[in-house]
Amino acid sequence: MKILVTGGEGFIGSNLVPELRSRGHDVWVCDIHQSGNENYVRCDVSKFRQLEKVFQKNKFDMVYHLAAEYGRWNGEDYYENLWQTNVVGTKNLLRLQEVNRFRSVLFSSAEVYGDYAGEMREDVMDTVAIKQMNDYAMTKWVNEMQALNSAAMFGTETVRIRPVNAYGPHEYYSPYRGVIPIFIHHALHGLPYTVYTKHRRIFDYVEDTCVTIANIAERFRPGEVYNIAGREEHDIKYVSDLILSYLGKDDSLVKYEAWEPHTTKAKRIDCSKAVSHLGHNPKTSVEEGLRKTIEWSKKAYATANTPSRRLIAIAPKTE
């Protein structure tokens, strides 16, 4: 297939692209910055003209739509960017999908489950009135509604996915990223950080995530939605302790608090449909995944010693 990955130079995208290419697909990437990489087009998805130009020059069988502003606090501080990129950007893509008839994989998020305290199954949203807890979660849910409306009105074919705490190589630190890149960056550089001891999370190593996501190209079921997560739930403190242990450091710079405001205490995820339909098999333990991520981080931050490189490393724009 000829496949476009929007946001393909972000964290998940930069892991997904080589996985798709290893299967023989002709993969193109668009992202917001300049790049000399293979089959790359600069494009801000929130600008319809720029996105339309990509499709005027290429005919794609499928689009993996990852381009987005990431994170709840980023969404509070830069809400204009968040809504323009996430919601208007997705609307732009859907308009082009309605004309060009490609299939798409829409990256949503487990954040759409908001304040739901039960087991998070894909059909929960059909029966329970969910309250999303931040703008980032709201934009992801709006995008799902946009995709469903486009399918109903224009017959577009989209699969929605809700990844859960993917982590691993290519996830550079910023204060808006998840706990793992924040803990690793701070521990490596001797900086203080906070651990919320009452929170629990399931983590999925990004290589496992991307194998499952790439499987959608061969196992596409229009209209489906999938949770994609790891198998085991862990205390956030356990993750911090592992990172410190691997780096040979103590927790003297760690501040412990019970709860973090505006976020769920635990997420119990049901991935049985992804296992059944997509062969989802998260085989990398958090212990092994953290070791690999730390080794990548040591090398990545060791080379981030010029002003331009530091800028890219600290402020990624996509998921």
Protein backbone atom coordinates (compact mmCIF):
# COMPACT_ATOMS: atom_id res chain seq x y z
CA MET A 1 0.00 0.00 0.00
CA LYS A 2 0.94 3.63 -0.36
CA ILE A 3 0.54 5.05 3.15
CA LEU A 4 0.78 8.56 4.57
CA VAL A 5 1.64 9.04 8.25
CA THR A 6 0.75 12.51 9.52
CA GLY A 7 2.92 13.51 12.43
CA GLY A 8 5.26 10.76 11.32
CA GLU A 9 8.36 12.29 12.90
CA GLY A 10 6.84 12.42 16.37
CA PHE A 11 7.28 9.80 19.07
CA ILE A 12 4.91 7.04 17.95
CA GLY A 13 5.10 8.03 14.29
CA SER A 14 8.88 7.67 14.11
CA ASN A 15 8.53 4.13 15.47
CA LEU A 16 5.55 3.26 13.27
CA VAL A 17 7.07 4.38 9.96
CA PRO A 18 9.97 1.86 9.94
CA GLU A 19 7.60 -0.91 11.04
CA LEU A 20 5.31 -0.19 8.07
CA ARG A 21 8.26 0.07 5.68
CA SER A 22 9.64 -3.27 6.91
CA ARG A 23 6.41 -4.84 5.60
CA GLY A 24 6.92 -3.50 2.10
CA HIS A 25 4.58 -0.50 2.20
CA ASP A 26 5.46 2.73 0.37
CA VAL A 27 5.35 5.09 3.35
CA TRP A 28 5.29 8.88 3.20
CA VAL A 29 5.48 11.27 6.13
CA CYS A 30 4.18 14.76 6.75
CA ASP A 31 5.02 16.78 9.82
CA ILE A 32 5.23 20.40 10.89
CA HIS A 33 8.99 21.03 10.68
CA GLN A 34 11.58 21.01 7.91
CA SER A 35 13.23 17.66 7.24
CA GLY A 36 15.41 16.08 4.60
CA ASN A 37 14.23 12.57 5.36
CA GLU A 38 13.00 10.15 2.72
CA ASN A 39 9.47 10.69 1.32
CA TYR A 40 8.86 13.67 3.59
CA VAL A 41 6.54 16.65 3.08
CA ARG A 42 6.33 19.61 5.42
CA CYS A 43 2.70 20.24 6.35
CA ASP A 44 0.69 21.82 9.14
CA VAL A 45 -2.52 19.76 9.15
CA SER A 46 -4.49 22.68 10.59
CA LYS A 47 -3.88 24.56 7.32
CA PHE A 48 -6.16 23.01 4.69
CA ARG A 49 -4.13 24.34 1.74
CA GLN A 50 -0.97 22.67 2.98
CA LEU A 51 -2.68 19.34 3.59
CA GLU A 52 -4.58 19.46 0.30
CA LYS A 53 -1.29 19.95 -1.53
CA VAL A 54 0.00 16.63 -0.16
CA PHE A 55 -2.96 14.81 -1.71
CA GLN A 56 -2.78 16.70 -5.00
CA LYS A 57 0.68 15.22 -5.58
CA ASN A 58 0.04 11.70 -4.23
CA LYS A 59 -2.72 9.11 -4.16
CA PHE A 60 -2.70 7.19 -0.88
CA ASP A 61 -4.45 3.95 -0.01
CA MET A 62 -4.35 4.68 3.70
CA VAL A 63 -3.54 7.49 6.13
CA TYR A 64 -2.40 6.99 9.70
CA HIS A 65 -3.41 10.27 11.35
CA LEU A 66 -1.10 10.95 14.29
CA ALA A 67 -0.49 14.70 13.93
CA ALA A 68 -1.62 16.31 17.17
CA GLU A 69 -0.69 18.51 20.08
CA TYR A 70 -0.14 16.17 23.02
CA GLY A 71 -0.98 16.31 26.70
CA ARG A 72 -3.46 17.81 29.09
CA TRP A 73 -1.23 20.57 30.54
CA ASN A 74 0.05 21.45 27.08
CA GLY A 75 -3.62 21.75 26.13
CA GLU A 76 -4.23 24.19 28.96
CA ASP A 77 -1.18 26.35 28.23
CA TYR A 78 -1.49 26.29 24.43
CA TYR A 79 -5.18 25.63 23.89
CA GLU A 80 -5.26 27.55 20.60
CA ASN A 81 -2.65 25.21 19.11
CA LEU A 82 -4.39 22.18 20.62
CA TRP A 83 -7.83 22.86 19.13
CA GLN A 84 -6.51 24.07 15.79
CA THR A 85 -4.19 21.11 15.24
CA ASN A 86 -6.23 18.33 16.80
CA VAL A 87 -9.78 19.25 15.81
CA VAL A 88 -9.48 21.49 12.76
CA GLY A 89 -6.59 19.36 11.48
CA THR A 90 -8.71 16.22 11.72
CA LYS A 91 -11.65 17.96 10.04
CA ASN A 92 -9.34 18.97 7.18
CA LEU A 93 -8.23 15.36 6.75
CA LEU A 94 -11.80 14.09 6.79
CA ARG A 95 -12.79 16.57 4.07
CA LEU A 96 -9.96 15.22 1.91
CA GLN A 97 -10.91 11.65 2.78
CA GLU A 98 -14.47 12.27 1.60
CA VAL A 99 -13.10 13.29 -1.81
CA ASN A 100 -10.11 10.98 -2.20
CA ARG A 101 -11.66 7.88 -0.57
CA PHE A 102 -8.57 6.60 1.26
CA ARG A 103 -8.94 4.57 4.43
CA SER A 104 -7.68 6.10 7.67
CA VAL A 105 -6.52 5.14 11.14
CA LEU A 106 -7.39 7.88 13.63
CA PHE A 107 -5.26 8.15 16.74
CA SER A 108 -7.49 8.93 19.68
CA SER A 109 -6.46 8.30 23.30
CA ALA A 110 -7.51 6.45 26.42
CA GLU A 111 -7.97 9.94 27.86
CA VAL A 112 -11.43 9.91 26.27
CA TYR A 113 -12.58 7.64 29.12
CA GLY A 114 -12.22 10.64 31.43
CA ASP A 115 -13.59 10.10 34.91
CA TYR A 116 -14.88 6.57 34.26
CA ALA A 117 -13.81 4.32 37.14
CA GLY A 118 -14.77 0.91 35.74
CA GLU A 119 -13.05 -1.36 33.24
CA MET A 120 -12.48 0.69 30.11
CA ARG A 121 -13.98 -1.23 27.19
CA GLU A 122 -14.46 0.33 23.79
CA ASP A 123 -18.27 0.27 24.05
CA VAL A 124 -18.38 2.13 27.37
CA MET A 125 -18.84 5.38 25.48
CA ASP A 126 -22.12 4.08 24.02
CA THR A 127 -23.77 3.50 27.40
CA VAL A 128 -22.16 5.82 29.97
CA ALA A 129 -22.14 9.62 30.08
CA ILE A 130 -18.40 10.26 30.27
CA LYS A 131 -16.94 13.52 31.52
CA GLN A 132 -13.60 14.23 29.85
CA MET A 133 -11.26 15.86 32.35
CA ASN A 134 -9.20 18.24 30.20
CA ASP A 135 -9.07 19.90 26.78
CA TYR A 136 -6.71 17.31 25.34
CA ALA A 137 -9.19 14.52 26.13
CA MET A 138 -12.04 16.63 24.75
CA THR A 139 -10.28 17.14 21.40
CA LYS A 140 -9.67 13.41 21.06
CA TRP A 141 -13.33 12.63 21.71
CA VAL A 142 -14.46 15.37 19.31
CA ASN A 143 -12.23 13.79 16.66
CA GLU A 144 -13.87 10.41 17.16
CA MET A 145 -17.29 12.02 16.75
CA GLN A 146 -16.11 13.77 13.59
CA ALA A 147 -14.92 10.47 12.13
CA LEU A 148 -18.18 8.71 12.98
CA ASN A 149 -20.24 11.54 11.47
CA SER A 150 -18.15 11.50 8.29
CA ALA A 151 -18.66 7.75 7.99
CA ALA A 152 -22.42 8.14 8.41
CA MET A 153 -22.77 11.09 6.04
CA PHE A 154 -20.17 10.33 3.37
CA GLY A 155 -19.28 6.65 3.74
CA THR A 156 -15.66 7.23 4.77
CA GLU A 157 -13.82 4.25 6.28
CA THR A 158 -11.91 4.87 9.50
CA VAL A 159 -10.55 2.78 12.36
CA ARG A 160 -10.13 4.57 15.67
CA ILE A 161 -7.45 3.55 18.17
CA ARG A 162 -7.00 4.51 21.81
CA PRO A 163 -3.35 3.94 22.78
CA VAL A 164 -2.56 3.75 26.49
CA ASN A 165 0.70 5.15 27.86
CA ALA A 166 3.04 4.09 25.09
CA TYR A 167 6.68 4.75 25.96
CA GLY A 168 10.12 4.04 24.58
CA PRO A 169 12.80 5.33 22.17
CA HIS A 170 12.25 8.59 20.27
CA GLU A 171 10.18 10.14 23.05
CA TYR A 172 12.20 13.22 23.91
CA TYR A 173 11.62 15.00 27.18
CA SER A 174 9.36 17.98 27.58
CA PRO A 175 7.46 19.02 30.70
CA TYR A 176 4.26 18.02 28.90
CA ARG A 177 5.21 14.40 28.18
CA GLY A 178 4.29 11.36 30.28
CA VAL A 179 5.88 10.23 33.52
CA ILE A 180 8.50 7.92 32.00
CA PRO A 181 10.38 10.47 29.83
CA ILE A 182 10.04 13.04 32.61
CA PHE A 183 11.43 10.70 35.28
CA ILE A 184 14.29 9.51 33.06
CA HIS A 185 15.30 13.01 31.99
CA HIS A 186 15.23 14.37 35.54
CA ALA A 187 17.07 11.40 37.02
CA LEU A 188 19.76 11.55 34.33
CA HIS A 189 20.34 15.25 34.94
CA GLY A 190 20.01 15.28 38.73
CA LEU A 191 16.80 17.31 38.70
CA PRO A 192 13.94 17.03 41.21
CA TYR A 193 10.60 15.53 40.20
CA THR A 194 7.30 14.54 41.81
CA VAL A 195 5.83 11.04 42.11
CA TYR A 196 2.12 10.60 42.84
CA THR A 197 2.04 7.44 44.89
CA LYS A 198 -1.70 6.68 44.66
CA HIS A 199 -1.80 6.52 40.87
CA ARG A 200 -1.50 3.32 38.83
CA ARG A 201 -1.00 2.92 35.09
CA ILE A 202 -0.65 0.32 32.34
CA PHE A 203 2.32 1.00 30.05
CA ASP A 204 2.96 -0.35 26.55
CA TYR A 205 6.42 -0.42 25.00
CA VAL A 206 6.23 1.49 21.73
CA GLU A 207 7.61 -1.28 19.52
CA ASP A 208 4.80 -3.57 20.70
CA THR A 209 2.29 -0.76 20.16
CA CYS A 210 3.48 -0.16 16.60
CA VAL A 211 3.37 -3.83 15.58
CA THR A 212 -0.31 -3.88 16.49
CA ILE A 213 -1.02 -0.53 14.83
CA ALA A 214 0.73 -1.65 11.63
CA ASN A 215 -1.42 -4.80 11.61
CA ILE A 216 -4.46 -2.61 10.98
CA ALA A 217 -3.29 -2.06 7.40
CA GLU A 218 -3.75 -5.78 6.69
CA ARG A 219 -6.72 -6.34 9.04
CA PHE A 220 -8.74 -3.21 8.45
CA ARG A 221 -12.33 -3.27 9.76
CA PRO A 222 -14.13 0.01 8.96
CA GLY A 223 -15.81 1.61 11.95
CA GLU A 224 -13.93 -0.36 14.60
CA VAL A 225 -12.29 1.16 17.65
CA TYR A 226 -9.51 -0.46 19.69
CA ASN A 227 -7.82 0.01 23.04
CA ILE A 228 -4.09 -0.72 22.71
CA ALA A 229 -2.27 -1.16 26.00
CA GLY A 230 0.18 -3.33 27.88
CA ARG A 231 -0.78 -6.24 30.10
CA GLU A 232 0.32 -5.20 33.59
CA GLU A 233 -0.69 -2.29 35.82
CA HIS A 234 2.01 -0.66 37.94
CA ASP A 235 2.26 1.93 40.68
CA ILE A 236 3.87 5.13 39.43
CA LYS A 237 6.34 4.83 42.32
CA TYR A 238 7.43 1.40 41.08
CA VAL A 239 8.29 2.93 37.70
CA SER A 240 10.28 5.71 39.37
CA ASP A 241 12.11 3.24 41.60
CA LEU A 242 13.09 1.11 38.59
CA ILE A 243 14.47 4.11 36.72
CA LEU A 244 16.50 5.24 39.72
CA SER A 245 17.80 1.70 40.25
CA TYR A 246 18.91 1.34 36.60
CA LEU A 247 20.71 4.67 36.83
CA GLY A 248 22.30 3.86 40.20
CA LYS A 249 20.65 6.81 41.94
CA ASP A 250 18.66 7.28 45.13
CA ASP A 251 15.38 9.14 45.55
CA SER A 252 16.72 12.15 47.46
CA LEU A 253 15.46 14.51 44.73
CA VAL A 254 12.03 12.89 44.53
CA LYS A 255 9.02 14.54 46.13
CA TYR A 256 6.17 12.18 46.98
CA GLU A 257 2.54 13.23 46.92
CA ALA A 258 -0.66 11.20 47.00
CA TRP A 259 -2.83 12.45 44.12
CA GLU A 260 -2.37 14.52 41.00
CA PRO A 261 -5.33 16.84 40.28
CA HIS A 262 -7.38 16.61 37.07
CA THR A 263 -6.25 13.12 36.18
CA THR A 264 -7.57 9.61 36.80
CA LYS A 265 -6.16 7.56 39.66
CA ALA A 266 -6.11 4.30 37.69
CA LYS A 267 -7.03 3.08 34.23
CA ARG A 268 -8.23 -0.51 33.92
CA ILE A 269 -8.11 -1.25 30.21
CA ASP A 270 -9.71 -4.09 28.26
CA CYS A 271 -7.65 -4.86 25.12
CA SER A 272 -9.34 -8.14 24.25
CA LYS A 273 -10.70 -6.83 20.94
CA ALA A 274 -7.23 -5.70 19.78
CA VAL A 275 -5.89 -9.12 20.74
CA SER A 276 -8.66 -10.87 18.78
CA HIS A 277 -8.78 -8.64 15.69
CA LEU A 278 -5.20 -7.37 15.44
CA GLY A 279 -3.05 -9.97 17.16
CA HIS A 280 -2.03 -7.50 19.85
CA ASN A 281 0.76 -9.07 21.90
CA PRO A 282 2.51 -6.69 24.30
CA LYS A 283 5.45 -8.93 25.10
CA THR A 284 7.94 -6.39 26.48
CA SER A 285 7.85 -6.14 30.27
CA VAL A 286 8.08 -2.71 31.85
CA GLU A 287 11.40 -3.76 33.37
CA GLU A 288 12.90 -4.58 29.96
CA GLY A 289 11.22 -1.66 28.22
CA LEU A 290 12.53 0.86 30.74
CA ARG A 291 16.06 -0.51 30.39
CA LYS A 292 15.90 -0.08 26.60
CA THR A 293 14.39 3.38 26.92
CA ILE A 294 17.06 4.53 29.34
CA GLU A 295 19.84 3.30 27.04
CA TRP A 296 18.29 5.22 24.15
CA SER A 297 17.86 8.32 26.34
CA LYS A 298 21.52 8.31 27.40
CA LYS A 299 22.59 8.39 23.75
CA ALA A 300 19.93 10.88 22.67
CA TYR A 301 20.67 13.43 25.37
CA ALA A 302 24.43 13.02 24.95
CA THR A 303 24.10 14.28 21.34
CA ALA A 304 21.61 17.05 22.15
CA ASN A 305 24.33 19.62 22.75
CA THR A 306 23.63 22.28 20.16
CA PRO A 307 20.91 24.95 20.46
CA SER A 308 18.94 23.67 17.44
CA ARG A 309 19.14 20.05 18.55
CA ARG A 310 18.03 20.96 22.06
CA LEU A 311 14.98 22.72 20.67
CA ILE A 312 13.88 19.63 18.77
CA ALA A 313 14.57 17.38 21.73
CA ILE A 314 12.61 19.46 24.23
CA ALA A 315 9.56 20.46 22.21
CA PRO A 316 8.19 17.74 19.93
CA LYS A 317 4.99 18.79 18.22
CA THR A 318 3.34 15.47 17.46
CA GLU A 319 2.23 12.29 19.16
